[in-house]
Every structure is written in C-alpha cells, then in structure tokens.
Amino acid sequence: MALNPQARITVTTMLKGFLITINPNVITRVTTLPLGIQCRKEDKANHMFAKKKIFLIDENPIDDKNGVKRESLPYPWDEVSCDILQYISCEGRLSVVYGYQLKLLHELRSRDTVPINQRLSVPYFISQSIIDMSEKVKQGNNQQ
C-alpha cells in the first residue's frame, strides 16, 4: 500500500439539475483534509491493526464477527461512530462498527500519534463512501 494523492476514483451524479463530479482531490480541496493512504474495505490487515490500536488498555471492546459492537466503544467514540455509520458510510446496521470504519475512528482518535506514512486518506474514504452510496441508490432504483 502506498500514498496515492492522484487516486482515480470519480463519481458523477445529477443533483437538482446540476452535474456534480466528486473525487478525492475535490474533497481534499473543499475539506482541507490531507490525502494519505487509501482505505479499501478489502484491506483486512489494516483494519485488524486499527481495531487493536484504537482501544486503550482498560477498554474492552465486544467483538462481532465483522467488527466491534458500537455499544462497547468508550464515550465519545460511540457517538462519533454512529455519525460515521449514518452519515459517511450510510451503513444500515448501527450496532456494529466495521473494520474500515474503525480505521477512520483510529485516525480521528490518534491522529497525532499515527506516523504520516500510515495516515488514512480521509478524502479517499469519503469519496469511496459516496461511490458505495451511489451504487446502492442505482441498485434500489433498478429493483423498483
């Protein structure tokens, strides 16, 4: 895995008559968030690392086969994870925080201690979530 500031992920959608194109570079310009390492759902090793690193010694997360039970996250990360689930990755199940979402939580909680070459590309994460959401909307429209 390497730094990839020129990621070729792009989504184009029509919104109220306007054609909007979104990619990590657009998101980084709008949010002023830096590009970093891409985070793919398929990248299990990074997610397991993030899952282990996010918790402090006295915190005991409850494992789920796909991630961690949200109720076992310490405050305020239980609420932050709920916002990530609902508004960024648009996840339907709010009770489980998945590995790729834990990677984002780890980034938010420990940003200052994460080495620069291991930091998550938040714009890439957001653009990937937008792409996933647009695909779900397309699938929903095709089923109707």
N, C-alpha and C. Protein backbone atom coordinates (compact mmCIF):
# COMPACT_ATOMS: atom_id res chain seq x y z
N MET A 1 0.84 -1.17 0.00
CA MET A 1 0.00 0.00 0.00
C MET A 1 0.89 1.24 0.00
N ALA A 2 0.55 2.22 -0.78
CA ALA A 2 1.40 3.40 -0.86
C ALA A 2 0.54 4.65 -0.85
N LEU A 3 1.19 5.77 -0.64
CA LEU A 3 0.49 7.04 -0.73
C LEU A 3 0.06 7.24 -2.17
N ASN A 4 -1.15 7.70 -2.37
CA ASN A 4 -1.66 7.87 -3.71
C ASN A 4 -2.49 9.13 -3.81
N PRO A 5 -1.86 10.30 -3.92
CA PRO A 5 -2.63 11.53 -3.98
C PRO A 5 -3.39 11.71 -5.29
N GLN A 6 -3.09 10.91 -6.30
CA GLN A 6 -3.76 11.04 -7.59
C GLN A 6 -4.72 9.87 -7.82
N ALA A 7 -5.45 9.47 -6.78
CA ALA A 7 -6.38 8.35 -6.90
C ALA A 7 -7.37 8.61 -8.04
N ARG A 8 -7.69 7.59 -8.80
CA ARG A 8 -8.54 7.75 -9.97
C ARG A 8 -9.98 7.37 -9.69
N ILE A 9 -10.44 7.61 -8.49
CA ILE A 9 -11.81 7.32 -8.12
C ILE A 9 -12.63 8.58 -8.39
N THR A 10 -13.66 8.45 -9.21
CA THR A 10 -14.50 9.60 -9.53
C THR A 10 -15.95 9.13 -9.60
N VAL A 11 -16.83 9.94 -9.07
CA VAL A 11 -18.26 9.65 -9.20
C VAL A 11 -18.92 10.91 -9.74
N THR A 12 -19.80 10.71 -10.71
CA THR A 12 -20.54 11.82 -11.29
C THR A 12 -22.01 11.54 -11.08
N THR A 13 -22.72 12.54 -10.59
CA THR A 13 -24.14 12.35 -10.31
C THR A 13 -24.90 13.62 -10.64
N MET A 14 -26.19 13.48 -10.90
CA MET A 14 -27.04 14.62 -11.19
C MET A 14 -27.79 14.98 -9.91
N LEU A 15 -27.70 16.24 -9.51
CA LEU A 15 -28.36 16.69 -8.29
C LEU A 15 -29.12 17.97 -8.61
N LYS A 16 -30.43 17.90 -8.60
CA LYS A 16 -31.30 19.05 -8.87
C LYS A 16 -30.91 19.77 -10.16
N GLY A 17 -30.64 18.99 -11.20
CA GLY A 17 -30.34 19.56 -12.49
C GLY A 17 -28.88 19.92 -12.72
N PHE A 18 -28.03 19.75 -11.69
CA PHE A 18 -26.61 20.05 -11.83
C PHE A 18 -25.82 18.74 -11.88
N LEU A 19 -24.88 18.67 -12.80
CA LEU A 19 -23.99 17.53 -12.90
C LEU A 19 -22.80 17.77 -11.98
N ILE A 20 -22.64 16.89 -10.98
CA ILE A 20 -21.58 17.05 -9.99
C ILE A 20 -20.60 15.90 -10.11
N THR A 21 -19.32 16.23 -10.18
CA THR A 21 -18.26 15.23 -10.21
C THR A 21 -17.46 15.33 -8.92
N ILE A 22 -17.31 14.19 -8.25
CA ILE A 22 -16.60 14.16 -6.97
C ILE A 22 -15.46 13.16 -7.07
N ASN A 23 -14.30 13.57 -6.60
CA ASN A 23 -13.15 12.68 -6.49
C ASN A 23 -12.33 13.11 -5.28
N PRO A 24 -11.34 12.33 -4.85
CA PRO A 24 -10.58 12.69 -3.64
C PRO A 24 -9.94 14.07 -3.70
N ASN A 25 -9.49 14.49 -4.87
CA ASN A 25 -8.86 15.81 -4.97
C ASN A 25 -9.86 16.93 -4.72
N VAL A 26 -11.09 16.78 -5.21
CA VAL A 26 -12.13 17.78 -4.96
C VAL A 26 -12.44 17.82 -3.47
N ILE A 27 -12.59 16.64 -2.86
CA ILE A 27 -12.92 16.59 -1.44
C ILE A 27 -11.80 17.19 -0.60
N THR A 28 -10.56 16.93 -0.94
CA THR A 28 -9.46 17.48 -0.15
C THR A 28 -9.39 19.00 -0.29
N ARG A 29 -9.74 19.53 -1.48
CA ARG A 29 -9.76 20.99 -1.64
C ARG A 29 -10.88 21.62 -0.82
N VAL A 30 -12.05 20.98 -0.80
CA VAL A 30 -13.21 21.53 -0.08
C VAL A 30 -13.03 21.41 1.42
N THR A 31 -12.55 20.25 1.89
CA THR A 31 -12.45 20.00 3.33
C THR A 31 -11.10 20.39 3.92
N THR A 32 -10.11 20.63 3.09
CA THR A 32 -8.72 20.87 3.50
C THR A 32 -8.14 19.70 4.30
N LEU A 33 -8.68 18.51 4.08
CA LEU A 33 -8.14 17.30 4.70
C LEU A 33 -7.05 16.73 3.81
N PRO A 34 -5.95 16.25 4.38
CA PRO A 34 -4.87 15.75 3.54
C PRO A 34 -5.17 14.38 2.94
N LEU A 35 -4.61 14.16 1.77
CA LEU A 35 -4.66 12.82 1.19
C LEU A 35 -3.63 11.96 1.90
N GLY A 36 -3.86 10.69 1.97
CA GLY A 36 -2.93 9.77 2.63
C GLY A 36 -3.09 8.39 2.03
N ILE A 37 -3.05 7.38 2.86
CA ILE A 37 -3.17 6.00 2.40
C ILE A 37 -4.63 5.69 2.10
N GLN A 38 -4.85 5.05 0.97
CA GLN A 38 -6.21 4.64 0.63
C GLN A 38 -6.66 3.55 1.58
N CYS A 39 -7.94 3.55 1.91
CA CYS A 39 -8.51 2.51 2.77
C CYS A 39 -9.60 1.80 1.99
N ARG A 40 -9.37 0.54 1.68
CA ARG A 40 -10.36 -0.26 0.97
C ARG A 40 -10.99 -1.24 1.94
N LYS A 41 -12.25 -1.54 1.74
CA LYS A 41 -12.93 -2.49 2.61
C LYS A 41 -12.25 -3.85 2.59
N GLU A 42 -11.62 -4.17 1.46
CA GLU A 42 -10.99 -5.48 1.30
C GLU A 42 -9.66 -5.58 2.06
N ASP A 43 -9.15 -4.49 2.58
CA ASP A 43 -7.83 -4.45 3.19
C ASP A 43 -7.92 -4.86 4.67
N LYS A 44 -8.09 -6.15 4.90
CA LYS A 44 -8.34 -6.68 6.25
C LYS A 44 -7.20 -6.44 7.22
N ALA A 45 -5.95 -6.53 6.78
CA ALA A 45 -4.80 -6.40 7.69
C ALA A 45 -4.78 -5.02 8.35
N ASN A 46 -5.01 -3.97 7.57
CA ASN A 46 -5.04 -2.62 8.15
C ASN A 46 -6.20 -2.44 9.11
N HIS A 47 -7.33 -3.07 8.80
CA HIS A 47 -8.48 -2.94 9.69
C HIS A 47 -8.23 -3.63 11.02
N MET A 48 -7.61 -4.79 10.98
CA MET A 48 -7.31 -5.50 12.22
C MET A 48 -6.30 -4.71 13.06
N PHE A 49 -5.34 -4.09 12.40
CA PHE A 49 -4.37 -3.24 13.09
C PHE A 49 -5.10 -2.08 13.76
N ALA A 50 -5.99 -1.44 13.02
CA ALA A 50 -6.74 -0.31 13.57
C ALA A 50 -7.64 -0.76 14.71
N LYS A 51 -8.22 -1.94 14.56
CA LYS A 51 -9.11 -2.47 15.60
C LYS A 51 -8.35 -2.68 16.90
N LYS A 52 -7.12 -3.15 16.81
CA LYS A 52 -6.32 -3.36 18.02
C LYS A 52 -5.80 -2.06 18.60
N LYS A 53 -5.44 -1.12 17.72
CA LYS A 53 -4.79 0.11 18.17
C LYS A 53 -5.75 1.16 18.71
N ILE A 54 -7.00 1.12 18.31
CA ILE A 54 -7.93 2.19 18.72
C ILE A 54 -8.24 2.15 20.21
N PHE A 55 -8.17 0.97 20.81
CA PHE A 55 -8.58 0.84 22.20
C PHE A 55 -7.41 0.98 23.16
N LEU A 56 -7.68 1.63 24.28
CA LEU A 56 -6.69 1.74 25.34
C LEU A 56 -6.70 0.46 26.17
N ILE A 57 -5.71 0.29 27.02
CA ILE A 57 -5.54 -0.96 27.78
C ILE A 57 -6.77 -1.30 28.61
N ASP A 58 -7.39 -0.30 29.24
CA ASP A 58 -8.53 -0.57 30.12
C ASP A 58 -9.87 -0.64 29.39
N GLU A 59 -9.87 -0.49 28.08
CA GLU A 59 -11.11 -0.57 27.32
C GLU A 59 -11.29 -1.98 26.76
N ASN A 60 -12.49 -2.49 26.90
CA ASN A 60 -12.77 -3.86 26.49
C ASN A 60 -13.86 -3.89 25.43
N PRO A 61 -13.48 -3.86 24.16
CA PRO A 61 -14.50 -3.89 23.11
C PRO A 61 -15.14 -5.27 23.02
N ILE A 62 -16.39 -5.30 22.61
CA ILE A 62 -17.09 -6.56 22.39
C ILE A 62 -17.01 -6.85 20.90
N ASP A 63 -16.34 -7.96 20.57
CA ASP A 63 -16.15 -8.31 19.16
C ASP A 63 -17.43 -8.82 18.52
N ASP A 64 -17.56 -8.48 17.28
CA ASP A 64 -18.58 -9.02 16.40
C ASP A 64 -17.80 -9.67 15.27
N LYS A 65 -18.38 -10.62 14.56
CA LYS A 65 -17.60 -11.29 13.51
C LYS A 65 -17.12 -10.30 12.44
N ASN A 66 -17.81 -9.16 12.28
CA ASN A 66 -17.44 -8.19 11.25
C ASN A 66 -16.73 -6.95 11.80
N GLY A 67 -16.68 -6.79 13.10
CA GLY A 67 -16.09 -5.59 13.67
C GLY A 67 -16.22 -5.57 15.17
N VAL A 68 -16.73 -4.46 15.69
CA VAL A 68 -16.87 -4.26 17.13
C VAL A 68 -18.27 -3.73 17.40
N LYS A 69 -18.88 -4.23 18.47
CA LYS A 69 -20.20 -3.72 18.86
C LYS A 69 -20.06 -2.26 19.26
N ARG A 70 -20.86 -1.42 18.66
CA ARG A 70 -20.76 0.03 18.89
C ARG A 70 -20.98 0.39 20.36
N GLU A 71 -21.85 -0.33 21.02
CA GLU A 71 -22.15 -0.05 22.43
C GLU A 71 -20.93 -0.21 23.34
N SER A 72 -19.92 -0.96 22.88
CA SER A 72 -18.74 -1.18 23.72
C SER A 72 -17.65 -0.13 23.49
N LEU A 73 -17.87 0.80 22.57
CA LEU A 73 -16.89 1.87 22.37
C LEU A 73 -17.00 2.89 23.50
N PRO A 74 -15.88 3.44 23.94
CA PRO A 74 -15.94 4.44 25.01
C PRO A 74 -16.50 5.77 24.49
N TYR A 75 -17.05 6.54 25.40
CA TYR A 75 -17.54 7.87 25.06
C TYR A 75 -16.35 8.76 24.72
N PRO A 76 -16.38 9.60 23.75
CA PRO A 76 -17.46 9.96 22.82
C PRO A 76 -17.42 9.16 21.53
N TRP A 77 -16.56 8.14 21.44
CA TRP A 77 -16.36 7.42 20.18
C TRP A 77 -17.56 6.57 19.80
N ASP A 78 -18.38 6.22 20.76
CA ASP A 78 -19.61 5.50 20.42
C ASP A 78 -20.53 6.41 19.59
N GLU A 79 -20.61 7.69 19.99
CA GLU A 79 -21.44 8.64 19.25
C GLU A 79 -20.81 9.04 17.92
N VAL A 80 -19.50 9.21 17.91
CA VAL A 80 -18.80 9.55 16.67
C VAL A 80 -18.97 8.41 15.66
N SER A 81 -18.85 7.18 16.13
CA SER A 81 -19.01 6.04 15.22
C SER A 81 -20.42 5.97 14.67
N CYS A 82 -21.41 6.36 15.47
CA CYS A 82 -22.79 6.36 14.99
C CYS A 82 -22.94 7.37 13.84
N ASP A 83 -22.31 8.54 13.99
CA ASP A 83 -22.35 9.54 12.92
C ASP A 83 -21.66 9.03 11.66
N ILE A 84 -20.52 8.35 11.84
CA ILE A 84 -19.81 7.77 10.69
C ILE A 84 -20.71 6.75 9.99
N LEU A 85 -21.34 5.88 10.78
CA LEU A 85 -22.21 4.85 10.21
C LEU A 85 -23.38 5.46 9.45
N GLN A 86 -24.02 6.47 10.04
CA GLN A 86 -25.21 7.04 9.43
C GLN A 86 -24.92 7.97 8.27
N TYR A 87 -23.96 8.87 8.45
CA TYR A 87 -23.82 9.98 7.50
C TYR A 87 -22.64 9.88 6.55
N ILE A 88 -21.63 9.09 6.87
CA ILE A 88 -20.48 8.99 5.96
C ILE A 88 -20.55 7.69 5.17
N SER A 89 -20.68 6.55 5.86
CA SER A 89 -20.72 5.29 5.12
C SER A 89 -22.14 4.78 4.91
N CYS A 90 -23.15 5.49 5.44
CA CYS A 90 -24.57 5.15 5.25
C CYS A 90 -24.84 3.67 5.50
N GLU A 91 -24.32 3.18 6.60
CA GLU A 91 -24.50 1.78 6.99
C GLU A 91 -25.88 1.60 7.59
N GLY A 92 -26.52 0.49 7.28
CA GLY A 92 -27.86 0.22 7.79
C GLY A 92 -27.86 -0.29 9.23
N ARG A 93 -26.83 -1.10 9.57
CA ARG A 93 -26.78 -1.64 10.93
C ARG A 93 -25.96 -0.70 11.79
N LEU A 94 -26.59 -0.08 12.76
CA LEU A 94 -25.89 0.88 13.62
C LEU A 94 -25.26 0.22 14.84
N SER A 95 -25.45 -1.08 14.99
CA SER A 95 -24.94 -1.75 16.19
C SER A 95 -23.50 -2.24 16.05
N VAL A 96 -22.99 -2.33 14.81
CA VAL A 96 -21.65 -2.86 14.57
C VAL A 96 -20.81 -1.83 13.82
N VAL A 97 -19.60 -1.58 14.34
CA VAL A 97 -18.64 -0.72 13.65
C VAL A 97 -17.69 -1.66 12.90
N TYR A 98 -17.65 -1.53 11.59
CA TYR A 98 -16.86 -2.42 10.75
C TYR A 98 -15.40 -2.00 10.72
N GLY A 99 -14.56 -2.90 10.21
CA GLY A 99 -13.11 -2.67 10.21
C GLY A 99 -12.69 -1.40 9.53
N TYR A 100 -13.24 -1.11 8.36
CA TYR A 100 -12.81 0.09 7.65
C TYR A 100 -13.29 1.36 8.37
N GLN A 101 -14.40 1.27 9.10
CA GLN A 101 -14.86 2.40 9.91
C GLN A 101 -13.99 2.57 11.15
N LEU A 102 -13.49 1.45 11.70
CA LEU A 102 -12.55 1.52 12.82
C LEU A 102 -11.26 2.20 12.40
N LYS A 103 -10.87 2.01 11.15
CA LYS A 103 -9.67 2.69 10.64
C LYS A 103 -9.86 4.20 10.70
N LEU A 104 -11.04 4.68 10.32
CA LEU A 104 -11.33 6.11 10.40
C LEU A 104 -11.40 6.56 11.86
N LEU A 105 -12.02 5.77 12.72
CA LEU A 105 -12.07 6.11 14.15
C LEU A 105 -10.67 6.20 14.75
N HIS A 106 -9.82 5.25 14.38
CA HIS A 106 -8.44 5.25 14.87
C HIS A 106 -7.74 6.52 14.42
N GLU A 107 -7.98 6.91 13.19
CA GLU A 107 -7.39 8.14 12.65
C GLU A 107 -7.87 9.36 13.43
N LEU A 108 -9.15 9.43 13.72
CA LEU A 108 -9.70 10.57 14.45
C LEU A 108 -9.21 10.61 15.89
N ARG A 109 -9.11 9.46 16.51
CA ARG A 109 -8.74 9.40 17.92
C ARG A 109 -7.24 9.59 18.14
N SER A 110 -6.43 9.09 17.23
CA SER A 110 -4.99 9.04 17.45
C SER A 110 -4.19 9.74 16.36
N ARG A 111 -4.77 10.72 15.72
CA ARG A 111 -4.13 11.36 14.56
C ARG A 111 -2.69 11.80 14.84
N ASP A 112 -2.44 12.37 16.01
CA ASP A 112 -1.10 12.89 16.31
C ASP A 112 -0.06 11.79 16.50
N THR A 113 -0.50 10.59 16.85
CA THR A 113 0.46 9.51 17.09
C THR A 113 0.63 8.57 15.90
N VAL A 114 -0.23 8.72 14.89
CA VAL A 114 -0.12 7.87 13.70
C VAL A 114 0.97 8.43 12.79
N PRO A 115 1.96 7.61 12.41
CA PRO A 115 3.00 8.09 11.51
C PRO A 115 2.40 8.61 10.20
N ILE A 116 3.01 9.62 9.63
CA ILE A 116 2.48 10.26 8.43
C ILE A 116 2.26 9.24 7.31
N ASN A 117 3.18 8.30 7.15
CA ASN A 117 3.05 7.34 6.05
C ASN A 117 2.00 6.26 6.31
N GLN A 118 1.33 6.30 7.47
CA GLN A 118 0.26 5.34 7.78
C GLN A 118 -1.09 6.02 7.94
N ARG A 119 -1.15 7.33 7.73
CA ARG A 119 -2.40 8.05 7.92
C ARG A 119 -3.39 7.74 6.80
N LEU A 120 -4.62 7.70 7.20
CA LEU A 120 -5.71 7.40 6.28
C LEU A 120 -5.98 8.60 5.38
N SER A 121 -6.32 8.34 4.13
CA SER A 121 -6.76 9.39 3.23
C SER A 121 -8.25 9.61 3.48
N VAL A 122 -8.57 10.61 4.29
CA VAL A 122 -9.97 10.89 4.60
C VAL A 122 -10.75 11.25 3.34
N PRO A 123 -10.20 12.07 2.43
CA PRO A 123 -10.95 12.33 1.18
C PRO A 123 -11.23 11.06 0.40
N TYR A 124 -10.28 10.14 0.34
CA TYR A 124 -10.49 8.88 -0.36
C TYR A 124 -11.60 8.09 0.34
N PHE A 125 -11.56 8.04 1.68
CA PHE A 125 -12.58 7.33 2.46
C PHE A 125 -13.96 7.91 2.14
N ILE A 126 -14.07 9.24 2.14
CA ILE A 126 -15.36 9.88 1.89
C ILE A 126 -15.80 9.63 0.44
N SER A 127 -14.88 9.77 -0.51
CA SER A 127 -15.28 9.56 -1.91
C SER A 127 -15.69 8.11 -2.14
N GLN A 128 -15.00 7.17 -1.50
CA GLN A 128 -15.37 5.76 -1.64
C GLN A 128 -16.76 5.51 -1.05
N SER A 129 -17.07 6.18 0.05
CA SER A 129 -18.40 6.05 0.66
C SER A 129 -19.47 6.62 -0.27
N ILE A 130 -19.16 7.76 -0.92
CA ILE A 130 -20.11 8.35 -1.86
C ILE A 130 -20.36 7.40 -3.03
N ILE A 131 -19.29 6.79 -3.52
CA ILE A 131 -19.43 5.84 -4.63
C ILE A 131 -20.29 4.65 -4.20
N ASP A 132 -20.03 4.11 -3.00
CA ASP A 132 -20.83 2.99 -2.49
C ASP A 132 -22.30 3.39 -2.38
N MET A 133 -22.57 4.60 -1.87
CA MET A 133 -23.94 5.06 -1.72
C MET A 133 -24.61 5.21 -3.08
N SER A 134 -23.89 5.76 -4.07
CA SER A 134 -24.50 5.94 -5.40
C SER A 134 -24.81 4.59 -6.03
N GLU A 135 -23.96 3.59 -5.79
CA GLU A 135 -24.23 2.25 -6.32
C GLU A 135 -25.45 1.64 -5.66
N LYS A 136 -25.61 1.87 -4.34
CA LYS A 136 -26.79 1.35 -3.64
C LYS A 136 -28.06 2.01 -4.16
N VAL A 137 -27.99 3.32 -4.42
CA VAL A 137 -29.16 4.04 -4.96
C VAL A 137 -29.51 3.49 -6.34
N LYS A 138 -28.51 3.28 -7.18
CA LYS A 138 -28.74 2.73 -8.52
C LYS A 138 -29.38 1.35 -8.44
N GLN A 139 -28.88 0.51 -7.52
CA GLN A 139 -29.44 -0.84 -7.36
C GLN A 139 -30.89 -0.76 -6.89
N GLY A 140 -31.15 0.17 -5.95
CA GLY A 140 -32.52 0.35 -5.46
C GLY A 140 -33.46 0.82 -6.54
N ASN A 141 -33.00 1.72 -7.39
CA ASN A 141 -33.82 2.21 -8.50
C ASN A 141 -34.07 1.13 -9.53
N ASN A 142 -33.08 0.26 -9.76
CA ASN A 142 -33.24 -0.81 -10.74
C ASN A 142 -34.20 -1.88 -10.25
N GLN A 143 -34.32 -2.04 -8.93
CA GLN A 143 -35.22 -3.06 -8.38
C GLN A 143 -36.67 -2.62 -8.39
N GLN A 144 -36.90 -1.30 -8.48
CA GLN A 144 -38.28 -0.80 -8.44
C GLN A 144 -38.96 -0.84 -9.75
